[in-house]
Amino acid sequence: MAKKLNWFILTFLVVACALTHAGEIPMRVERVPAFYVIGKMGQGNVENIEAWIPPLWAAASGSVNEIAEQIKRATNGQPVGIWAIMSDCSESFMPWDITGGKYLAGFEANDGSSAPEGWTKWRVPGYEYIVIETSLAEYGEAFNYTIATLLPEKGLTLAGAVHERYPSPDDPSVVELYFPVNHLPEPAKD
């Protein structure tokens, strides 16, 4: 798995800044209840993401064995989700501002898990998302199209920070962008 994650990091580095797209982007709506992600967290600005985000992925993939028991897995043993969770600097899961924000490079975790030293665990609130599947090469295009065209055309506004999900450790070039549009109510507590 570490070799596949290293490929993911390399792919992210090579194409993270590529931007261009023409035409409609396929989308789906997905209701995702609150979930947990354990990963390596950093904070920085948008002008130099190449300097601070790839090292987070390198740290997460290089020491994933430290959280192996906390990772939520599918029946085939693969992680259910490899996520990049974004938040404003207050960690209220609002979008980054012009100075940047926080980024958690990690893995969907079991509900009762805890983050070992050097790791961060975030509880991501439940939202209804517009999900766009794209490639890292068309990431910027898909992101900009969704924010500037798709959401306004559908009468929707962004309700929080956009997250990235990498659905297959075998193909790190595929990314799903999760645009939160409606906050889901919290479940009743006993």
N, C-alpha and C. Protein backbone atom coordinates (compact mmCIF):
# COMPACT_ATOMS: atom_id res chain seq x y z
N MET A 1 0.82 -1.19 0.00
CA MET A 1 0.00 0.00 0.00
C MET A 1 0.86 1.26 0.00
N ALA A 2 2.00 1.24 0.72
CA ALA A 2 2.87 2.42 0.78
C ALA A 2 3.37 2.79 -0.61
N LYS A 3 3.68 1.77 -1.44
CA LYS A 3 4.15 2.05 -2.80
C LYS A 3 3.07 2.77 -3.60
N LYS A 4 1.80 2.33 -3.44
CA LYS A 4 0.70 2.97 -4.16
C LYS A 4 0.50 4.39 -3.67
N LEU A 5 0.65 4.60 -2.36
CA LEU A 5 0.48 5.95 -1.82
C LEU A 5 1.63 6.85 -2.26
N ASN A 6 2.84 6.31 -2.40
CA ASN A 6 3.95 7.11 -2.91
C ASN A 6 3.67 7.53 -4.35
N TRP A 7 3.06 6.64 -5.14
CA TRP A 7 2.66 6.99 -6.50
C TRP A 7 1.64 8.13 -6.45
N PHE A 8 0.72 8.05 -5.48
CA PHE A 8 -0.28 9.10 -5.31
C PHE A 8 0.40 10.44 -5.06
N ILE A 9 1.37 10.47 -4.17
CA ILE A 9 2.07 11.71 -3.85
C ILE A 9 2.78 12.25 -5.08
N LEU A 10 3.45 11.39 -5.79
CA LEU A 10 4.16 11.82 -6.99
C LEU A 10 3.19 12.37 -8.03
N THR A 11 2.08 11.67 -8.23
CA THR A 11 1.08 12.15 -9.19
C THR A 11 0.54 13.50 -8.75
N PHE A 12 0.26 13.65 -7.45
CA PHE A 12 -0.26 14.92 -6.94
C PHE A 12 0.73 16.05 -7.22
N LEU A 13 2.00 15.81 -6.98
CA LEU A 13 3.02 16.83 -7.21
C LEU A 13 3.09 17.24 -8.68
N VAL A 14 3.03 16.26 -9.57
CA VAL A 14 3.22 16.53 -10.98
C VAL A 14 2.08 17.33 -11.59
N VAL A 15 0.83 17.02 -11.18
CA VAL A 15 -0.29 17.62 -11.89
C VAL A 15 -1.19 18.49 -11.03
N ALA A 16 -0.82 18.80 -9.83
CA ALA A 16 -1.70 19.54 -8.93
C ALA A 16 -2.10 20.91 -9.48
N CYS A 17 -1.30 21.49 -10.32
CA CYS A 17 -1.60 22.84 -10.80
C CYS A 17 -2.14 22.89 -12.23
N ALA A 18 -2.38 21.77 -12.85
CA ALA A 18 -2.89 21.78 -14.22
C ALA A 18 -4.34 22.25 -14.25
N LEU A 19 -4.67 23.16 -15.17
CA LEU A 19 -6.03 23.71 -15.25
C LEU A 19 -6.47 23.86 -16.70
N THR A 20 -7.59 23.27 -17.13
CA THR A 20 -8.35 23.56 -18.36
C THR A 20 -9.43 22.53 -18.58
N HIS A 21 -10.62 23.00 -18.97
CA HIS A 21 -11.73 22.09 -19.25
C HIS A 21 -12.78 22.80 -20.10
N ALA A 22 -13.40 22.07 -20.99
CA ALA A 22 -14.51 22.63 -21.76
C ALA A 22 -15.66 21.65 -21.71
N GLY A 23 -16.84 22.17 -21.56
CA GLY A 23 -18.02 21.31 -21.57
C GLY A 23 -18.50 20.97 -20.18
N GLU A 24 -19.57 20.21 -20.15
CA GLU A 24 -20.24 19.83 -18.91
C GLU A 24 -19.47 18.74 -18.18
N ILE A 25 -19.45 18.85 -16.87
CA ILE A 25 -18.77 17.87 -16.03
C ILE A 25 -19.84 17.01 -15.37
N PRO A 26 -19.71 15.67 -15.45
CA PRO A 26 -20.70 14.82 -14.80
C PRO A 26 -20.65 14.98 -13.28
N MET A 27 -21.83 14.94 -12.66
CA MET A 27 -21.91 15.12 -11.21
C MET A 27 -22.96 14.18 -10.63
N ARG A 28 -22.87 14.03 -9.31
CA ARG A 28 -23.90 13.29 -8.58
C ARG A 28 -24.14 14.01 -7.26
N VAL A 29 -25.27 13.75 -6.64
CA VAL A 29 -25.58 14.29 -5.33
C VAL A 29 -25.43 13.14 -4.33
N GLU A 30 -24.74 13.41 -3.24
CA GLU A 30 -24.50 12.36 -2.25
C GLU A 30 -24.69 12.94 -0.85
N ARG A 31 -25.51 12.26 -0.05
CA ARG A 31 -25.71 12.63 1.35
C ARG A 31 -24.70 11.83 2.17
N VAL A 32 -23.82 12.53 2.86
CA VAL A 32 -22.77 11.87 3.64
C VAL A 32 -22.90 12.30 5.10
N PRO A 33 -23.27 11.37 5.97
CA PRO A 33 -23.34 11.72 7.39
C PRO A 33 -21.94 12.03 7.92
N ALA A 34 -21.88 12.62 9.11
CA ALA A 34 -20.59 12.95 9.71
C ALA A 34 -19.69 11.72 9.73
N PHE A 35 -18.39 11.95 9.53
CA PHE A 35 -17.42 10.86 9.54
C PHE A 35 -16.10 11.38 10.07
N TYR A 36 -15.18 10.46 10.34
CA TYR A 36 -13.88 10.82 10.91
C TYR A 36 -12.76 10.56 9.92
N VAL A 37 -11.76 11.43 9.97
CA VAL A 37 -10.54 11.24 9.17
C VAL A 37 -9.35 11.45 10.10
N ILE A 38 -8.40 10.53 10.04
CA ILE A 38 -7.13 10.68 10.76
C ILE A 38 -6.05 10.91 9.71
N GLY A 39 -5.24 11.94 9.93
CA GLY A 39 -4.20 12.23 8.95
C GLY A 39 -3.17 13.20 9.47
N LYS A 40 -2.40 13.70 8.55
CA LYS A 40 -1.38 14.70 8.84
C LYS A 40 -1.93 16.06 8.44
N MET A 41 -1.91 16.99 9.40
CA MET A 41 -2.53 18.29 9.19
C MET A 41 -1.47 19.37 9.04
N GLY A 42 -1.75 20.29 8.12
CA GLY A 42 -0.88 21.44 7.94
C GLY A 42 -1.71 22.67 7.63
N GLN A 43 -1.04 23.80 7.68
CA GLN A 43 -1.71 25.07 7.40
C GLN A 43 -0.80 25.89 6.51
N GLY A 44 -1.39 26.52 5.51
CA GLY A 44 -0.59 27.34 4.61
C GLY A 44 -1.47 28.17 3.71
N ASN A 45 -0.81 28.81 2.76
CA ASN A 45 -1.59 29.67 1.84
C ASN A 45 -1.66 29.04 0.46
N VAL A 46 -2.54 29.61 -0.36
CA VAL A 46 -2.79 29.05 -1.68
C VAL A 46 -1.66 29.31 -2.67
N GLU A 47 -0.84 30.30 -2.41
CA GLU A 47 0.24 30.62 -3.35
C GLU A 47 1.35 29.57 -3.36
N ASN A 48 1.52 28.84 -2.28
CA ASN A 48 2.63 27.88 -2.26
C ASN A 48 2.20 26.49 -1.79
N ILE A 49 1.04 26.02 -2.27
CA ILE A 49 0.57 24.70 -1.84
C ILE A 49 1.57 23.59 -2.18
N GLU A 50 2.34 23.77 -3.24
CA GLU A 50 3.33 22.76 -3.61
C GLU A 50 4.38 22.58 -2.52
N ALA A 51 4.59 23.60 -1.71
CA ALA A 51 5.61 23.54 -0.66
C ALA A 51 5.11 22.87 0.62
N TRP A 52 3.82 22.91 0.89
CA TRP A 52 3.37 22.38 2.18
C TRP A 52 2.37 21.23 2.12
N ILE A 53 1.64 21.04 1.02
CA ILE A 53 0.68 19.93 0.96
C ILE A 53 1.35 18.59 0.60
N PRO A 54 2.18 18.49 -0.43
CA PRO A 54 2.80 17.19 -0.72
C PRO A 54 3.58 16.59 0.47
N PRO A 55 4.27 17.40 1.29
CA PRO A 55 4.92 16.78 2.46
C PRO A 55 3.92 16.16 3.46
N LEU A 56 2.70 16.69 3.51
CA LEU A 56 1.69 16.07 4.38
C LEU A 56 1.34 14.67 3.87
N TRP A 57 1.18 14.55 2.53
CA TRP A 57 0.90 13.22 1.96
C TRP A 57 2.08 12.28 2.14
N ALA A 58 3.28 12.80 2.02
CA ALA A 58 4.47 11.96 2.22
C ALA A 58 4.52 11.46 3.66
N ALA A 59 4.22 12.32 4.61
CA ALA A 59 4.22 11.93 6.02
C ALA A 59 3.11 10.92 6.31
N ALA A 60 1.92 11.15 5.74
CA ALA A 60 0.80 10.23 5.98
C ALA A 60 1.06 8.86 5.39
N SER A 61 1.52 8.82 4.15
CA SER A 61 1.76 7.52 3.52
C SER A 61 2.99 6.83 4.09
N GLY A 62 3.97 7.61 4.49
CA GLY A 62 5.20 7.03 5.02
C GLY A 62 5.04 6.40 6.40
N SER A 63 4.00 6.79 7.12
CA SER A 63 3.81 6.22 8.47
C SER A 63 2.39 5.70 8.66
N VAL A 64 1.74 5.30 7.57
CA VAL A 64 0.36 4.82 7.63
C VAL A 64 0.23 3.60 8.54
N ASN A 65 1.30 2.84 8.70
CA ASN A 65 1.24 1.67 9.58
C ASN A 65 0.91 2.06 11.02
N GLU A 66 1.19 3.30 11.41
CA GLU A 66 0.89 3.76 12.77
C GLU A 66 -0.61 3.87 13.03
N ILE A 67 -1.41 4.00 11.96
CA ILE A 67 -2.86 4.14 12.13
C ILE A 67 -3.61 3.00 11.44
N ALA A 68 -2.92 1.94 11.08
CA ALA A 68 -3.53 0.84 10.33
C ALA A 68 -4.78 0.30 11.01
N GLU A 69 -4.79 0.21 12.32
CA GLU A 69 -5.94 -0.33 13.04
C GLU A 69 -7.11 0.65 13.08
N GLN A 70 -6.86 1.94 12.91
CA GLN A 70 -7.92 2.94 12.98
C GLN A 70 -8.60 3.18 11.63
N ILE A 71 -7.98 2.76 10.54
CA ILE A 71 -8.50 3.02 9.21
C ILE A 71 -9.74 2.17 8.94
N LYS A 72 -10.80 2.81 8.48
CA LYS A 72 -12.03 2.11 8.09
C LYS A 72 -11.74 1.43 6.75
N ARG A 73 -12.09 0.15 6.66
CA ARG A 73 -11.75 -0.62 5.46
C ARG A 73 -12.98 -1.27 4.84
N ALA A 74 -12.91 -1.44 3.52
CA ALA A 74 -13.94 -2.18 2.78
C ALA A 74 -13.71 -3.68 2.99
N THR A 75 -14.62 -4.49 2.52
CA THR A 75 -14.49 -5.94 2.70
C THR A 75 -13.24 -6.50 2.01
N ASN A 76 -12.73 -5.81 0.99
CA ASN A 76 -11.51 -6.27 0.31
C ASN A 76 -10.23 -5.82 1.02
N GLY A 77 -10.38 -5.12 2.15
CA GLY A 77 -9.22 -4.68 2.93
C GLY A 77 -8.68 -3.31 2.57
N GLN A 78 -9.17 -2.74 1.46
CA GLN A 78 -8.71 -1.41 1.04
C GLN A 78 -9.34 -0.35 1.92
N PRO A 79 -8.65 0.79 2.12
CA PRO A 79 -9.27 1.90 2.86
C PRO A 79 -10.56 2.34 2.19
N VAL A 80 -11.59 2.64 2.99
CA VAL A 80 -12.86 3.12 2.47
C VAL A 80 -12.68 4.48 1.81
N GLY A 81 -11.83 5.30 2.39
CA GLY A 81 -11.62 6.62 1.83
C GLY A 81 -10.26 7.18 2.14
N ILE A 82 -9.61 7.67 1.11
CA ILE A 82 -8.39 8.46 1.27
C ILE A 82 -8.85 9.88 0.99
N TRP A 83 -8.75 10.74 2.00
CA TRP A 83 -9.35 12.07 1.95
C TRP A 83 -8.33 13.18 2.11
N ALA A 84 -8.62 14.29 1.47
CA ALA A 84 -7.99 15.58 1.77
C ALA A 84 -9.13 16.44 2.28
N ILE A 85 -9.12 16.70 3.58
CA ILE A 85 -10.18 17.49 4.21
C ILE A 85 -9.66 18.90 4.39
N MET A 86 -10.44 19.86 3.91
CA MET A 86 -10.05 21.26 4.00
C MET A 86 -10.89 21.97 5.05
N SER A 87 -10.32 23.01 5.62
CA SER A 87 -11.05 23.86 6.56
C SER A 87 -10.39 25.23 6.60
N ASP A 88 -11.19 26.20 7.02
CA ASP A 88 -10.59 27.50 7.31
C ASP A 88 -9.70 27.33 8.54
N CYS A 89 -8.99 28.37 8.92
CA CYS A 89 -8.02 28.27 10.02
C CYS A 89 -8.68 28.04 11.38
N SER A 90 -9.98 28.35 11.51
CA SER A 90 -10.66 28.13 12.79
C SER A 90 -11.14 26.68 12.94
N GLU A 91 -10.92 25.86 11.93
CA GLU A 91 -11.35 24.46 11.89
C GLU A 91 -12.87 24.33 12.00
N SER A 92 -13.59 25.27 11.39
CA SER A 92 -15.05 25.19 11.34
C SER A 92 -15.54 24.67 9.99
N PHE A 93 -14.62 24.15 9.19
CA PHE A 93 -14.91 23.54 7.90
C PHE A 93 -15.52 24.50 6.89
N MET A 94 -15.20 25.77 7.04
CA MET A 94 -15.59 26.75 6.04
C MET A 94 -14.47 26.84 5.00
N PRO A 95 -14.76 27.39 3.80
CA PRO A 95 -13.72 27.47 2.76
C PRO A 95 -12.52 28.30 3.18
N TRP A 96 -11.41 28.02 2.54
CA TRP A 96 -10.21 28.83 2.74
C TRP A 96 -10.50 30.27 2.34
N ASP A 97 -9.78 31.21 2.96
CA ASP A 97 -9.86 32.59 2.49
C ASP A 97 -8.62 32.86 1.64
N ILE A 98 -8.38 34.10 1.28
CA ILE A 98 -7.26 34.41 0.39
C ILE A 98 -5.91 34.09 1.00
N THR A 99 -5.84 33.95 2.32
CA THR A 99 -4.57 33.60 2.94
C THR A 99 -4.36 32.10 3.04
N GLY A 100 -5.39 31.31 2.77
CA GLY A 100 -5.26 29.86 2.81
C GLY A 100 -6.11 29.23 3.89
N GLY A 101 -5.63 28.13 4.44
CA GLY A 101 -6.38 27.42 5.44
C GLY A 101 -5.65 26.18 5.89
N LYS A 102 -6.43 25.22 6.41
CA LYS A 102 -5.87 23.97 6.92
C LYS A 102 -6.23 22.82 5.98
N TYR A 103 -5.36 21.82 5.97
CA TYR A 103 -5.48 20.68 5.07
C TYR A 103 -5.11 19.43 5.85
N LEU A 104 -5.99 18.44 5.84
CA LEU A 104 -5.74 17.17 6.52
C LEU A 104 -5.64 16.08 5.47
N ALA A 105 -4.46 15.52 5.29
CA ALA A 105 -4.21 14.44 4.34
C ALA A 105 -4.31 13.13 5.10
N GLY A 106 -5.38 12.36 4.83
CA GLY A 106 -5.53 11.17 5.65
C GLY A 106 -6.52 10.16 5.15
N PHE A 107 -6.98 9.36 6.10
CA PHE A 107 -7.78 8.18 5.82
C PHE A 107 -9.05 8.20 6.67
N GLU A 108 -10.16 7.79 6.05
CA GLU A 108 -11.39 7.68 6.82
C GLU A 108 -11.15 6.68 7.94
N ALA A 109 -11.60 7.06 9.14
CA ALA A 109 -11.30 6.28 10.33
C ALA A 109 -12.56 5.72 10.97
N ASN A 110 -12.38 4.65 11.71
CA ASN A 110 -13.47 4.07 12.49
C ASN A 110 -13.95 5.07 13.53
N ASP A 111 -15.24 5.02 13.85
CA ASP A 111 -15.84 6.00 14.75
C ASP A 111 -15.13 6.11 16.10
N GLY A 112 -14.81 5.02 16.72
CA GLY A 112 -14.21 5.04 18.05
C GLY A 112 -12.69 5.17 18.07
N SER A 113 -12.10 5.45 16.93
CA SER A 113 -10.64 5.50 16.85
C SER A 113 -10.08 6.77 17.49
N SER A 114 -8.80 6.71 17.77
CA SER A 114 -8.12 7.90 18.29
C SER A 114 -6.84 8.11 17.49
N ALA A 115 -6.42 9.34 17.42
CA ALA A 115 -5.22 9.68 16.65
C ALA A 115 -3.99 9.53 17.52
N PRO A 116 -3.00 8.74 17.08
CA PRO A 116 -1.76 8.65 17.84
C PRO A 116 -0.98 9.97 17.77
N GLU A 117 0.03 10.06 18.58
CA GLU A 117 0.85 11.27 18.60
C GLU A 117 1.39 11.57 17.20
N GLY A 118 1.31 12.84 16.81
CA GLY A 118 1.77 13.27 15.49
C GLY A 118 0.70 13.21 14.42
N TRP A 119 -0.46 12.69 14.76
CA TRP A 119 -1.58 12.59 13.83
C TRP A 119 -2.72 13.47 14.35
N THR A 120 -3.63 13.83 13.45
CA THR A 120 -4.79 14.65 13.81
C THR A 120 -6.05 13.91 13.39
N LYS A 121 -7.06 13.95 14.26
CA LYS A 121 -8.35 13.35 13.93
C LYS A 121 -9.38 14.47 13.86
N TRP A 122 -10.08 14.53 12.72
CA TRP A 122 -11.17 15.49 12.55
C TRP A 122 -12.47 14.75 12.37
N ARG A 123 -13.52 15.30 12.95
CA ARG A 123 -14.88 14.83 12.70
C ARG A 123 -15.46 15.78 11.65
N VAL A 124 -15.69 15.25 10.47
CA VAL A 124 -16.21 16.04 9.36
C VAL A 124 -17.73 16.06 9.47
N PRO A 125 -18.35 17.24 9.54
CA PRO A 125 -19.81 17.31 9.66
C PRO A 125 -20.50 16.69 8.45
N GLY A 126 -21.74 16.24 8.67
CA GLY A 126 -22.53 15.68 7.58
C GLY A 126 -23.06 16.77 6.65
N TYR A 127 -23.00 16.49 5.37
CA TYR A 127 -23.49 17.42 4.35
C TYR A 127 -24.14 16.64 3.22
N GLU A 128 -24.92 17.35 2.45
CA GLU A 128 -25.32 16.89 1.14
C GLU A 128 -24.31 17.53 0.19
N TYR A 129 -23.68 16.71 -0.64
CA TYR A 129 -22.60 17.18 -1.50
C TYR A 129 -22.99 17.06 -2.97
N ILE A 130 -22.48 17.98 -3.76
CA ILE A 130 -22.38 17.79 -5.20
C ILE A 130 -21.00 17.19 -5.40
N VAL A 131 -20.95 16.00 -6.00
CA VAL A 131 -19.69 15.29 -6.18
C VAL A 131 -19.34 15.28 -7.65
N ILE A 132 -18.13 15.73 -7.92
CA ILE A 132 -17.59 15.78 -9.29
C ILE A 132 -16.40 14.85 -9.34
N GLU A 133 -16.45 13.86 -10.23
CA GLU A 133 -15.28 13.00 -10.43
C GLU A 133 -14.46 13.60 -11.56
N THR A 134 -13.17 13.72 -11.32
CA THR A 134 -12.28 14.31 -12.31
C THR A 134 -10.91 13.67 -12.19
N SER A 135 -9.99 14.14 -12.97
CA SER A 135 -8.60 13.69 -12.88
C SER A 135 -7.79 14.81 -12.24
N LEU A 136 -6.63 14.46 -11.75
CA LEU A 136 -5.77 15.52 -11.20
C LEU A 136 -5.39 16.52 -12.28
N ALA A 137 -5.27 16.04 -13.52
CA ALA A 137 -4.91 16.93 -14.62
C ALA A 137 -6.00 17.97 -14.90
N GLU A 138 -7.27 17.64 -14.61
CA GLU A 138 -8.38 18.57 -14.88
C GLU A 138 -8.99 19.12 -13.59
N TYR A 139 -8.29 18.94 -12.50
CA TYR A 139 -8.79 19.35 -11.18
C TYR A 139 -9.19 20.82 -11.15
N GLY A 140 -8.30 21.70 -11.51
CA GLY A 140 -8.56 23.13 -11.44
C GLY A 140 -9.74 23.54 -12.28
N GLU A 141 -9.82 22.98 -13.47
CA GLU A 141 -10.95 23.25 -14.36
C GLU A 141 -12.26 22.81 -13.76
N ALA A 142 -12.30 21.58 -13.25
CA ALA A 142 -13.53 21.05 -12.67
C ALA A 142 -13.94 21.86 -11.44
N PHE A 143 -12.98 22.23 -10.63
CA PHE A 143 -13.26 23.03 -9.43
C PHE A 143 -13.85 24.38 -9.83
N ASN A 144 -13.16 25.08 -10.71
CA ASN A 144 -13.61 26.41 -11.13
C ASN A 144 -14.97 26.36 -11.82
N TYR A 145 -15.19 25.36 -12.69
CA TYR A 145 -16.46 25.21 -13.38
C TYR A 145 -17.60 25.00 -12.37
N THR A 146 -17.36 24.16 -11.38
CA THR A 146 -18.40 23.86 -10.40
C THR A 146 -18.76 25.09 -9.59
N ILE A 147 -17.75 25.82 -9.11
CA ILE A 147 -17.98 27.02 -8.30
C ILE A 147 -18.63 28.13 -9.12
N ALA A 148 -18.08 28.40 -10.32
CA ALA A 148 -18.52 29.56 -11.11
C ALA A 148 -19.77 29.30 -11.94
N THR A 149 -20.01 28.05 -12.35
CA THR A 149 -21.10 27.78 -13.28
C THR A 149 -22.13 26.80 -12.73
N LEU A 150 -21.70 25.61 -12.36
CA LEU A 150 -22.64 24.54 -12.01
C LEU A 150 -23.49 24.89 -10.78
N LEU A 151 -22.87 25.28 -9.69
CA LEU A 151 -23.65 25.60 -8.48
C LEU A 151 -24.62 26.76 -8.74
N PRO A 152 -24.17 27.88 -9.34
CA PRO A 152 -25.13 28.96 -9.61
C PRO A 152 -26.27 28.54 -10.54
N GLU A 153 -25.96 27.74 -11.57
CA GLU A 153 -27.01 27.28 -12.49
C GLU A 153 -28.06 26.46 -11.77
N LYS A 154 -27.66 25.73 -10.73
CA LYS A 154 -28.58 24.88 -9.98
C LYS A 154 -29.19 25.61 -8.78
N GLY A 155 -28.84 26.90 -8.62
CA GLY A 155 -29.37 27.68 -7.51
C GLY A 155 -28.79 27.29 -6.16
N LEU A 156 -27.59 26.75 -6.16
CA LEU A 156 -26.94 26.27 -4.94
C LEU A 156 -25.79 27.18 -4.55
N THR A 157 -25.50 27.22 -3.27
CA THR A 157 -24.32 27.93 -2.78
C THR A 157 -23.47 26.96 -1.96
N LEU A 158 -22.22 27.24 -1.91
CA LEU A 158 -21.28 26.43 -1.15
C LEU A 158 -21.54 26.62 0.34
N ALA A 159 -21.70 25.52 1.08
CA ALA A 159 -22.02 25.58 2.50
C ALA A 159 -20.81 25.32 3.39
N GLY A 160 -19.66 25.04 2.80
CA GLY A 160 -18.46 24.74 3.58
C GLY A 160 -17.29 24.52 2.64
N ALA A 161 -16.21 24.04 3.21
CA ALA A 161 -14.99 23.79 2.43
C ALA A 161 -15.18 22.57 1.52
N VAL A 162 -14.55 22.60 0.37
CA VAL A 162 -14.58 21.49 -0.58
C VAL A 162 -13.52 20.48 -0.15
N HIS A 163 -13.90 19.19 -0.18
CA HIS A 163 -12.97 18.12 0.19
C HIS A 163 -12.64 17.29 -1.05
N GLU A 164 -11.54 16.57 -0.96
CA GLU A 164 -11.13 15.67 -2.04
C GLU A 164 -11.16 14.24 -1.50
N ARG A 165 -11.68 13.32 -2.31
CA ARG A 165 -11.64 11.90 -1.97
C ARG A 165 -10.96 11.18 -3.12
N TYR A 166 -10.02 10.33 -2.77
CA TYR A 166 -9.31 9.53 -3.75
C TYR A 166 -9.87 8.12 -3.64
N PRO A 167 -10.81 7.75 -4.53
CA PRO A 167 -11.59 6.52 -4.35
C PRO A 167 -10.82 5.23 -4.53
N SER A 168 -9.68 5.26 -5.17
CA SER A 168 -8.96 4.02 -5.41
C SER A 168 -7.47 4.20 -5.16
N PRO A 169 -6.91 3.48 -4.18
CA PRO A 169 -5.46 3.54 -3.98
C PRO A 169 -4.69 3.06 -5.20
N ASP A 170 -5.37 2.29 -6.07
CA ASP A 170 -4.72 1.79 -7.28
C ASP A 170 -4.63 2.83 -8.39
N ASP A 171 -5.42 3.90 -8.30
CA ASP A 171 -5.43 4.92 -9.34
C ASP A 171 -5.50 6.31 -8.71
N PRO A 172 -4.36 6.83 -8.25
CA PRO A 172 -4.36 8.12 -7.56
C PRO A 172 -4.61 9.32 -8.46
N SER A 173 -4.74 9.10 -9.76
CA SER A 173 -5.02 10.24 -10.64
C SER A 173 -6.50 10.60 -10.65
N VAL A 174 -7.35 9.72 -10.12
CA VAL A 174 -8.78 9.99 -10.06
C VAL A 174 -9.10 10.63 -8.72
N VAL A 175 -9.82 11.74 -8.78
CA VAL A 175 -10.21 12.45 -7.56
C VAL A 175 -11.67 12.82 -7.65
N GLU A 176 -12.36 12.69 -6.52
CA GLU A 176 -13.73 13.15 -6.42
C GLU A 176 -13.73 14.41 -5.57
N LEU A 177 -14.29 15.48 -6.10
CA LEU A 177 -14.40 16.73 -5.37
C LEU A 177 -15.78 16.78 -4.71
N TYR A 178 -15.81 16.99 -3.41
CA TYR A 178 -17.05 17.03 -2.64
C TYR A 178 -17.35 18.48 -2.28
N PHE A 179 -18.36 19.04 -2.94
CA PHE A 179 -18.80 20.42 -2.72
C PHE A 179 -20.01 20.40 -1.78
N PRO A 180 -19.86 20.82 -0.51
CA PRO A 180 -21.00 20.77 0.41
C PRO A 180 -22.02 21.87 0.08
N VAL A 181 -23.28 21.46 -0.05
CA VAL A 181 -24.32 22.44 -0.38
C VAL A 181 -25.41 22.55 0.68
N ASN A 182 -25.62 21.51 1.46
CA ASN A 182 -26.60 21.54 2.54
C ASN A 182 -26.06 20.79 3.75
N HIS A 183 -26.08 21.45 4.89
CA HIS A 183 -25.62 20.82 6.12
C HIS A 183 -26.69 19.84 6.58
N LEU A 184 -26.31 18.60 6.87
CA LEU A 184 -27.27 17.62 7.37
C LEU A 184 -27.48 17.82 8.87
N PRO A 185 -28.69 17.60 9.35
CA PRO A 185 -28.92 17.74 10.80
C PRO A 185 -28.15 16.66 11.56
N GLU A 186 -27.71 17.01 12.73
CA GLU A 186 -27.02 16.05 13.59
C GLU A 186 -28.02 15.02 14.10
N PRO A 187 -27.60 13.76 14.24
CA PRO A 187 -28.52 12.76 14.80
C PRO A 187 -28.85 13.09 16.26
N ALA A 188 -30.02 12.68 16.69
CA ALA A 188 -30.42 12.91 18.08
C ALA A 188 -29.48 12.14 19.01
N LYS A 189 -29.14 12.76 20.13
CA LYS A 189 -28.27 12.12 21.10
C LYS A 189 -29.12 11.53 22.21
N ASP A 190 -28.71 10.37 22.69
CA ASP A 190 -29.44 9.71 23.79
C ASP A 190 -29.29 10.44 25.09
